[in-house]
N, C-alpha and C. Protein backbone atom coordinates (compact mmCIF):
# COMPACT_ATOMS: atom_id res chain seq x y z
N MET A 1 -28.69 48.42 -49.18
CA MET A 1 -27.57 49.13 -50.04
C MET A 1 -26.49 49.57 -49.09
N LEU A 2 -25.30 49.50 -49.79
CA LEU A 2 -24.12 49.71 -49.04
C LEU A 2 -23.79 51.14 -49.41
N THR A 3 -23.16 51.72 -48.43
CA THR A 3 -22.55 53.15 -48.78
C THR A 3 -21.24 53.01 -49.59
N PRO A 4 -20.79 54.14 -50.31
CA PRO A 4 -19.50 53.75 -50.99
C PRO A 4 -18.37 53.56 -50.09
N SER A 5 -18.25 53.91 -49.03
CA SER A 5 -17.29 53.31 -48.05
C SER A 5 -17.34 51.63 -47.73
N LEU A 6 -18.76 51.17 -47.61
CA LEU A 6 -18.75 49.89 -47.28
C LEU A 6 -18.42 49.02 -48.55
N GLU A 7 -18.82 49.72 -49.56
CA GLU A 7 -18.55 48.93 -50.79
C GLU A 7 -17.04 48.77 -51.01
N ASP A 8 -16.29 49.75 -50.53
CA ASP A 8 -14.73 49.66 -50.79
C ASP A 8 -14.35 48.55 -49.78
N TYR A 9 -14.68 48.51 -48.55
CA TYR A 9 -14.53 47.53 -47.55
C TYR A 9 -14.84 46.03 -48.26
N LEU A 10 -15.97 45.83 -48.85
CA LEU A 10 -16.30 44.69 -49.16
C LEU A 10 -15.49 44.29 -50.49
N GLU A 11 -15.43 45.10 -51.39
CA GLU A 11 -14.34 44.89 -52.54
C GLU A 11 -13.09 44.45 -52.06
N GLU A 12 -12.33 45.13 -51.15
CA GLU A 12 -11.06 44.77 -50.42
C GLU A 12 -11.09 43.39 -49.93
N ILE A 13 -12.18 42.99 -49.18
CA ILE A 13 -12.17 41.45 -48.46
C ILE A 13 -12.40 40.58 -49.82
N TYR A 14 -13.21 40.97 -50.70
CA TYR A 14 -13.14 40.06 -51.97
C TYR A 14 -11.84 39.73 -52.65
N ARG A 15 -11.30 40.80 -52.93
CA ARG A 15 -10.02 40.72 -53.60
C ARG A 15 -8.90 39.93 -52.57
N PHE A 16 -9.19 40.18 -51.22
CA PHE A 16 -8.11 39.60 -50.41
C PHE A 16 -8.54 37.86 -50.38
N SER A 17 -9.82 37.69 -50.55
CA SER A 17 -10.46 36.20 -50.28
C SER A 17 -10.05 35.55 -51.56
N LEU A 18 -9.52 36.06 -52.52
CA LEU A 18 -9.21 35.47 -53.85
C LEU A 18 -7.75 34.80 -53.45
N SER A 19 -6.93 35.27 -53.08
CA SER A 19 -5.61 34.90 -52.77
C SER A 19 -5.14 34.42 -51.35
N LEU A 20 -5.81 34.78 -50.22
CA LEU A 20 -5.58 34.22 -48.71
C LEU A 20 -6.79 33.51 -48.38
N ASN A 21 -6.14 32.61 -47.58
CA ASN A 21 -6.98 31.58 -46.75
C ASN A 21 -7.84 32.56 -45.63
N THR A 22 -7.16 33.43 -45.02
CA THR A 22 -7.70 34.11 -43.84
C THR A 22 -7.49 35.57 -44.36
N VAL A 23 -8.60 36.44 -44.41
CA VAL A 23 -8.78 37.81 -44.33
C VAL A 23 -8.52 38.54 -43.00
N ARG A 24 -7.63 39.37 -42.71
CA ARG A 24 -7.57 39.81 -41.36
C ARG A 24 -8.00 41.41 -41.40
N VAL A 25 -8.43 41.81 -40.15
CA VAL A 25 -8.71 43.22 -40.08
C VAL A 25 -7.34 44.10 -40.38
N THR A 26 -5.94 43.73 -39.70
CA THR A 26 -5.01 44.55 -40.23
C THR A 26 -4.72 44.53 -41.85
N ASP A 27 -4.98 43.48 -42.38
CA ASP A 27 -4.79 43.45 -43.95
C ASP A 27 -5.64 44.64 -44.55
N ILE A 28 -6.94 44.76 -44.07
CA ILE A 28 -7.72 45.62 -44.89
C ILE A 28 -7.53 47.22 -44.47
N SER A 29 -7.11 47.07 -43.00
CA SER A 29 -6.55 48.45 -42.59
C SER A 29 -5.40 49.10 -43.57
N LYS A 30 -4.38 48.02 -43.68
CA LYS A 30 -3.43 48.59 -44.58
C LYS A 30 -3.63 49.05 -46.02
N ARG A 31 -4.56 48.02 -46.35
CA ARG A 31 -4.82 48.26 -47.79
C ARG A 31 -5.60 49.54 -48.22
N LEU A 32 -6.49 49.74 -46.98
CA LEU A 32 -7.54 51.10 -47.50
C LEU A 32 -6.95 52.31 -46.60
N LYS A 33 -5.85 51.92 -46.00
CA LYS A 33 -5.15 52.96 -44.98
C LYS A 33 -6.39 53.88 -44.12
N VAL A 34 -6.78 52.89 -43.25
CA VAL A 34 -7.89 53.67 -42.39
C VAL A 34 -7.30 52.63 -40.92
N ALA A 35 -7.77 53.24 -39.96
CA ALA A 35 -7.60 52.81 -38.57
C ALA A 35 -8.30 51.31 -38.22
N LEU A 36 -7.66 50.70 -37.47
CA LEU A 36 -8.46 49.17 -37.24
C LEU A 36 -9.74 49.45 -36.28
N PRO A 37 -9.97 50.53 -35.81
CA PRO A 37 -11.40 50.51 -35.23
C PRO A 37 -12.20 50.90 -36.33
N SER A 38 -12.06 51.65 -37.45
CA SER A 38 -12.83 51.86 -38.33
C SER A 38 -13.26 50.59 -39.37
N VAL A 39 -12.09 49.80 -39.43
CA VAL A 39 -12.37 48.46 -40.14
C VAL A 39 -13.30 47.60 -39.27
N THR A 40 -13.10 47.64 -38.08
CA THR A 40 -13.93 46.79 -37.29
C THR A 40 -15.37 47.18 -37.23
N LYS A 41 -15.58 48.54 -37.19
CA LYS A 41 -17.05 49.26 -37.37
C LYS A 41 -17.53 48.90 -38.66
N ALA A 42 -17.06 48.93 -39.86
CA ALA A 42 -17.36 48.69 -41.24
C ALA A 42 -17.66 46.95 -41.11
N LEU A 43 -16.96 46.32 -40.58
CA LEU A 43 -17.22 44.69 -40.52
C LEU A 43 -18.48 44.32 -39.86
N TYR A 44 -18.54 45.09 -38.95
CA TYR A 44 -19.75 44.64 -38.11
C TYR A 44 -21.36 45.00 -38.83
N LYS A 45 -21.21 46.40 -39.70
CA LYS A 45 -21.85 46.69 -40.69
C LYS A 45 -22.24 45.70 -41.86
N LEU A 46 -21.01 45.45 -42.28
CA LEU A 46 -21.43 44.34 -43.37
C LEU A 46 -21.81 43.03 -42.90
N ARG A 47 -21.50 42.48 -41.48
CA ARG A 47 -22.10 41.32 -40.97
C ARG A 47 -23.52 41.39 -41.01
N ASP A 48 -24.08 42.54 -40.39
CA ASP A 48 -25.40 42.89 -39.99
C ASP A 48 -26.35 42.99 -41.12
N GLN A 49 -25.63 43.25 -42.57
CA GLN A 49 -26.29 43.17 -43.76
C GLN A 49 -26.04 41.90 -44.38
N SER A 50 -25.43 41.07 -44.03
CA SER A 50 -25.22 39.23 -44.16
C SER A 50 -24.46 39.36 -45.24
N TYR A 51 -23.29 40.31 -45.59
CA TYR A 51 -22.54 40.25 -46.62
C TYR A 51 -21.08 39.26 -46.13
N ILE A 52 -20.90 39.42 -44.73
CA ILE A 52 -19.81 38.45 -44.27
C ILE A 52 -20.07 37.86 -42.94
N LYS A 53 -19.33 36.88 -42.59
CA LYS A 53 -19.42 36.40 -41.14
C LYS A 53 -18.25 36.79 -40.52
N TYR A 54 -18.44 37.32 -39.42
CA TYR A 54 -17.29 37.84 -38.74
C TYR A 54 -17.70 38.13 -36.95
N GLU A 55 -16.88 37.43 -36.34
CA GLU A 55 -16.76 37.94 -34.77
C GLU A 55 -15.56 38.53 -34.26
N ARG A 56 -15.57 39.43 -33.32
CA ARG A 56 -14.43 40.16 -33.04
C ARG A 56 -13.19 39.29 -32.89
N TYR A 57 -12.05 39.71 -33.35
CA TYR A 57 -10.75 38.86 -33.43
C TYR A 57 -10.95 37.53 -34.23
N GLY A 58 -11.86 37.32 -35.06
CA GLY A 58 -12.02 36.25 -35.78
C GLY A 58 -11.70 36.32 -37.19
N GLU A 59 -11.94 35.29 -37.83
CA GLU A 59 -11.94 35.49 -39.19
C GLU A 59 -12.77 36.11 -39.99
N ILE A 60 -12.60 36.75 -41.08
CA ILE A 60 -13.52 37.38 -42.00
C ILE A 60 -13.93 36.50 -43.16
N LYS A 61 -15.10 36.01 -43.38
CA LYS A 61 -15.42 34.96 -44.36
C LYS A 61 -16.65 35.79 -45.01
N LEU A 62 -16.66 35.79 -46.42
CA LEU A 62 -17.92 36.13 -47.26
C LEU A 62 -18.85 35.20 -47.17
N THR A 63 -19.95 35.70 -46.99
CA THR A 63 -21.28 34.88 -47.29
C THR A 63 -21.37 34.77 -49.00
N ASP A 64 -22.51 33.86 -49.03
CA ASP A 64 -22.73 33.68 -50.72
C ASP A 64 -22.92 35.54 -51.26
N LYS A 65 -23.87 35.84 -50.48
CA LYS A 65 -24.40 37.21 -50.90
C LYS A 65 -23.33 38.06 -50.94
N GLY A 66 -22.16 38.14 -49.93
CA GLY A 66 -21.09 39.00 -50.04
C GLY A 66 -20.13 38.59 -51.08
N ASN A 67 -19.99 37.22 -51.48
CA ASN A 67 -19.00 36.73 -52.56
C ASN A 67 -19.50 37.16 -53.89
N GLU A 68 -20.84 37.18 -54.07
CA GLU A 68 -21.64 37.61 -55.45
C GLU A 68 -21.50 39.23 -55.46
N PHE A 69 -21.70 39.89 -54.36
CA PHE A 69 -21.66 41.33 -54.59
C PHE A 69 -20.19 41.87 -54.76
N GLY A 70 -19.24 41.19 -54.14
CA GLY A 70 -17.90 41.54 -53.99
C GLY A 70 -17.58 41.22 -55.46
N SER A 71 -17.65 40.19 -56.07
CA SER A 71 -17.44 39.98 -57.27
C SER A 71 -17.88 41.07 -58.26
N TYR A 72 -18.92 41.48 -58.07
CA TYR A 72 -19.62 42.56 -59.17
C TYR A 72 -18.68 43.82 -59.13
N LEU A 73 -18.48 44.11 -57.66
CA LEU A 73 -17.59 45.33 -57.27
C LEU A 73 -16.24 45.30 -58.07
N VAL A 74 -15.52 44.18 -58.08
CA VAL A 74 -14.32 44.22 -58.64
C VAL A 74 -14.55 44.14 -60.20
N THR A 75 -15.59 43.46 -60.69
CA THR A 75 -15.90 43.53 -62.15
C THR A 75 -16.29 44.83 -62.61
N ARG A 76 -17.20 45.54 -61.91
CA ARG A 76 -17.23 47.01 -61.97
C ARG A 76 -16.03 48.03 -62.12
N ASN A 77 -15.14 47.82 -61.08
CA ASN A 77 -14.06 48.46 -61.14
C ASN A 77 -13.07 48.40 -62.42
N GLN A 78 -13.15 47.02 -62.71
CA GLN A 78 -12.02 46.60 -63.94
C GLN A 78 -12.85 47.17 -65.17
N LEU A 79 -13.93 47.02 -65.24
CA LEU A 79 -14.81 47.62 -66.37
C LEU A 79 -14.49 49.07 -66.75
N LEU A 80 -14.39 49.87 -65.66
CA LEU A 80 -14.51 51.51 -65.67
C LEU A 80 -13.04 51.82 -65.87
N GLN A 81 -12.08 51.04 -65.55
CA GLN A 81 -10.56 51.05 -65.84
C GLN A 81 -10.31 50.86 -67.21
N GLU A 82 -11.03 49.98 -67.93
CA GLU A 82 -10.87 49.38 -69.25
C GLU A 82 -11.51 50.66 -70.13
N PHE A 83 -12.66 51.16 -69.75
CA PHE A 83 -13.17 52.01 -70.09
C PHE A 83 -12.31 53.45 -70.36
N LEU A 84 -11.72 53.54 -69.28
CA LEU A 84 -10.90 55.03 -69.60
C LEU A 84 -9.77 54.57 -70.31
N ALA A 85 -9.22 53.40 -70.31
CA ALA A 85 -8.12 53.25 -71.47
C ALA A 85 -8.64 53.27 -72.69
N LEU A 86 -9.90 52.74 -72.91
CA LEU A 86 -10.25 52.78 -74.40
C LEU A 86 -10.44 54.13 -74.73
N ILE A 87 -10.97 55.08 -73.94
CA ILE A 87 -11.39 56.29 -74.44
C ILE A 87 -10.02 57.29 -74.47
N CYS A 88 -8.83 56.56 -73.98
CA CYS A 88 -7.51 57.39 -74.16
C CYS A 88 -7.46 58.37 -73.18
N SER A 89 -8.10 58.19 -71.91
CA SER A 89 -8.12 59.10 -70.69
C SER A 89 -6.83 59.22 -70.35
N LYS A 90 -6.22 60.41 -70.05
CA LYS A 90 -5.00 60.80 -69.37
C LYS A 90 -4.90 60.85 -67.99
N CYS A 91 -5.52 59.95 -67.21
CA CYS A 91 -5.34 59.85 -65.97
C CYS A 91 -5.09 58.61 -65.18
N ASN A 92 -5.02 58.48 -63.82
CA ASN A 92 -4.65 57.19 -63.07
C ASN A 92 -5.95 56.58 -63.31
N PHE A 93 -5.71 55.47 -63.92
CA PHE A 93 -7.19 54.59 -64.32
C PHE A 93 -7.89 54.28 -62.89
N ALA A 94 -6.87 53.64 -61.91
CA ALA A 94 -7.32 53.19 -60.60
C ALA A 94 -8.01 54.04 -60.01
N VAL A 95 -7.32 55.36 -59.79
CA VAL A 95 -7.89 56.41 -59.09
C VAL A 95 -9.33 57.06 -59.47
N GLU A 96 -9.45 57.13 -60.78
CA GLU A 96 -10.31 57.60 -61.68
C GLU A 96 -11.65 56.78 -61.51
N ALA A 97 -11.34 55.32 -61.75
CA ALA A 97 -12.43 54.31 -61.36
C ALA A 97 -12.87 54.21 -60.20
N GLU A 98 -12.18 54.52 -59.25
CA GLU A 98 -12.53 54.47 -57.91
C GLU A 98 -13.47 55.82 -57.69
N ALA A 99 -13.19 56.63 -58.26
CA ALA A 99 -13.81 58.04 -57.93
C ALA A 99 -15.31 57.91 -58.77
N MET A 100 -15.31 57.20 -59.74
CA MET A 100 -16.48 57.10 -60.62
C MET A 100 -17.55 55.92 -60.06
N GLU A 101 -16.93 54.97 -59.78
CA GLU A 101 -17.72 53.75 -59.57
C GLU A 101 -19.10 53.66 -58.58
N HIS A 102 -18.81 54.37 -57.70
CA HIS A 102 -20.15 54.59 -56.56
C HIS A 102 -21.01 55.54 -56.94
N TYR A 103 -20.96 56.23 -57.89
CA TYR A 103 -21.98 57.31 -58.19
C TYR A 103 -22.77 56.97 -59.75
N LEU A 104 -22.15 56.07 -60.36
CA LEU A 104 -22.90 55.64 -61.50
C LEU A 104 -24.11 54.63 -61.32
N SER A 105 -25.14 54.73 -61.89
CA SER A 105 -26.16 53.96 -61.85
C SER A 105 -25.77 52.69 -62.38
N ALA A 106 -26.71 51.34 -62.03
CA ALA A 106 -26.43 50.34 -62.71
C ALA A 106 -27.02 50.28 -64.19
N ALA A 107 -27.74 51.20 -64.65
CA ALA A 107 -28.02 51.33 -65.86
C ALA A 107 -26.82 52.04 -66.63
N THR A 108 -26.11 53.02 -66.30
CA THR A 108 -25.03 53.51 -66.97
C THR A 108 -23.86 52.53 -67.12
N ILE A 109 -23.38 51.79 -66.03
CA ILE A 109 -22.62 50.98 -65.93
C ILE A 109 -22.85 49.81 -66.96
N GLU A 110 -24.13 49.53 -66.97
CA GLU A 110 -24.39 48.35 -68.11
C GLU A 110 -24.16 49.13 -69.48
N ALA A 111 -24.61 50.30 -69.75
CA ALA A 111 -24.18 50.94 -70.98
C ALA A 111 -22.80 51.20 -71.26
N ILE A 112 -21.89 51.51 -70.15
CA ILE A 112 -20.59 51.52 -70.39
C ILE A 112 -19.81 50.06 -70.69
N LYS A 113 -20.60 49.00 -70.25
CA LYS A 113 -20.15 47.79 -70.64
C LYS A 113 -20.38 47.27 -71.89
N THR A 114 -21.55 47.96 -72.31
CA THR A 114 -22.09 47.42 -73.89
C THR A 114 -21.04 48.20 -74.79
N LEU A 115 -20.69 49.60 -74.51
CA LEU A 115 -19.96 50.28 -75.32
C LEU A 115 -18.34 49.79 -75.13
N VAL A 116 -17.95 49.26 -74.24
CA VAL A 116 -16.66 48.98 -74.08
C VAL A 116 -16.54 47.35 -75.06
N GLU A 117 -17.71 46.62 -74.98
CA GLU A 117 -17.66 45.28 -75.80
C GLU A 117 -17.81 45.71 -77.28
N PHE A 118 -18.42 46.93 -77.49
CA PHE A 118 -18.52 47.24 -78.98
C PHE A 118 -17.17 47.78 -79.64
N ILE A 119 -16.31 48.48 -78.71
CA ILE A 119 -15.09 49.04 -79.12
C ILE A 119 -14.20 48.11 -79.16
N LYS A 120 -14.30 46.99 -78.47
CA LYS A 120 -13.30 45.63 -78.45
C LYS A 120 -13.67 45.07 -79.75
N SER A 121 -14.94 44.86 -79.95
CA SER A 121 -14.96 44.05 -81.37
C SER A 121 -15.24 44.70 -82.59
N ASN A 122 -14.69 45.89 -82.40
CA ASN A 122 -14.57 46.74 -83.53
C ASN A 122 -13.23 47.45 -83.70
N PRO A 123 -12.18 46.73 -83.95
CA PRO A 123 -11.01 47.26 -83.88
C PRO A 123 -10.66 48.59 -84.88
N SER A 124 -11.22 48.61 -86.15
CA SER A 124 -11.14 49.64 -86.97
C SER A 124 -11.61 50.96 -86.15
N TRP A 125 -12.79 50.81 -85.52
CA TRP A 125 -13.46 51.80 -84.91
C TRP A 125 -12.67 52.36 -83.78
N GLN A 126 -12.02 51.39 -82.84
CA GLN A 126 -10.94 51.65 -81.79
C GLN A 126 -9.72 52.57 -82.62
N GLN A 127 -9.20 52.01 -83.78
CA GLN A 127 -7.98 52.65 -84.27
C GLN A 127 -8.38 54.09 -84.87
N ALA A 128 -9.69 54.14 -85.63
CA ALA A 128 -10.17 55.48 -85.84
C ALA A 128 -10.30 56.57 -84.63
N PHE A 129 -10.66 55.97 -83.47
CA PHE A 129 -10.83 56.93 -82.44
C PHE A 129 -9.42 57.26 -81.86
N LYS A 130 -8.61 56.43 -81.70
CA LYS A 130 -7.25 56.47 -81.41
C LYS A 130 -6.25 57.73 -82.46
N ASP A 131 -6.67 57.43 -83.59
CA ASP A 131 -6.13 58.52 -84.57
C ASP A 131 -6.64 59.73 -84.60
N PHE A 132 -7.95 59.80 -84.21
CA PHE A 132 -8.48 61.11 -83.98
C PHE A 132 -7.97 61.68 -82.86
N MET A 133 -7.71 61.07 -81.76
CA MET A 133 -7.11 61.71 -80.44
C MET A 133 -5.80 62.10 -80.60
N ASP A 134 -5.03 61.30 -81.49
CA ASP A 134 -3.79 61.87 -81.70
C ASP A 134 -3.74 63.08 -82.47
N LEU A 135 -4.75 63.34 -83.22
CA LEU A 135 -4.72 64.46 -84.17
C LEU A 135 -5.06 65.78 -83.33
N ARG A 136 -5.70 65.50 -82.20
CA ARG A 136 -6.36 66.45 -81.33
C ARG A 136 -5.17 67.09 -80.38
N GLY A 137 -4.03 66.17 -80.34
CA GLY A 137 -2.88 66.40 -79.44
C GLY A 137 -3.18 66.04 -78.07
């Protein structure tokens, strides 16, 4: 099991891997706004748990396990942002989803996923909720 911090690292490595041929320590450092030694320490922990392949000063490559879990992490984040939008939350969706994602159980994430699917498949319900929210101010 990964800590919330290691999940953040893996999520960013996965995001970078979708668009870059080579993921670098400096890319991760800049994105997460952390020092290079902190990134390196996290990379060794992810490597030791078989999420990535990494040697000092080398390329960072996701393993199959890392790719699968990284995809889940990105999907979970997107789901929570979509949920916040659907419930008309007046917050920064990215920041709020980041705060929520590490502390919700898999069962709660699955329940939110089901609710989001229900709301999206029932536009009249979604409109009624928006109208209700507008009346409340």
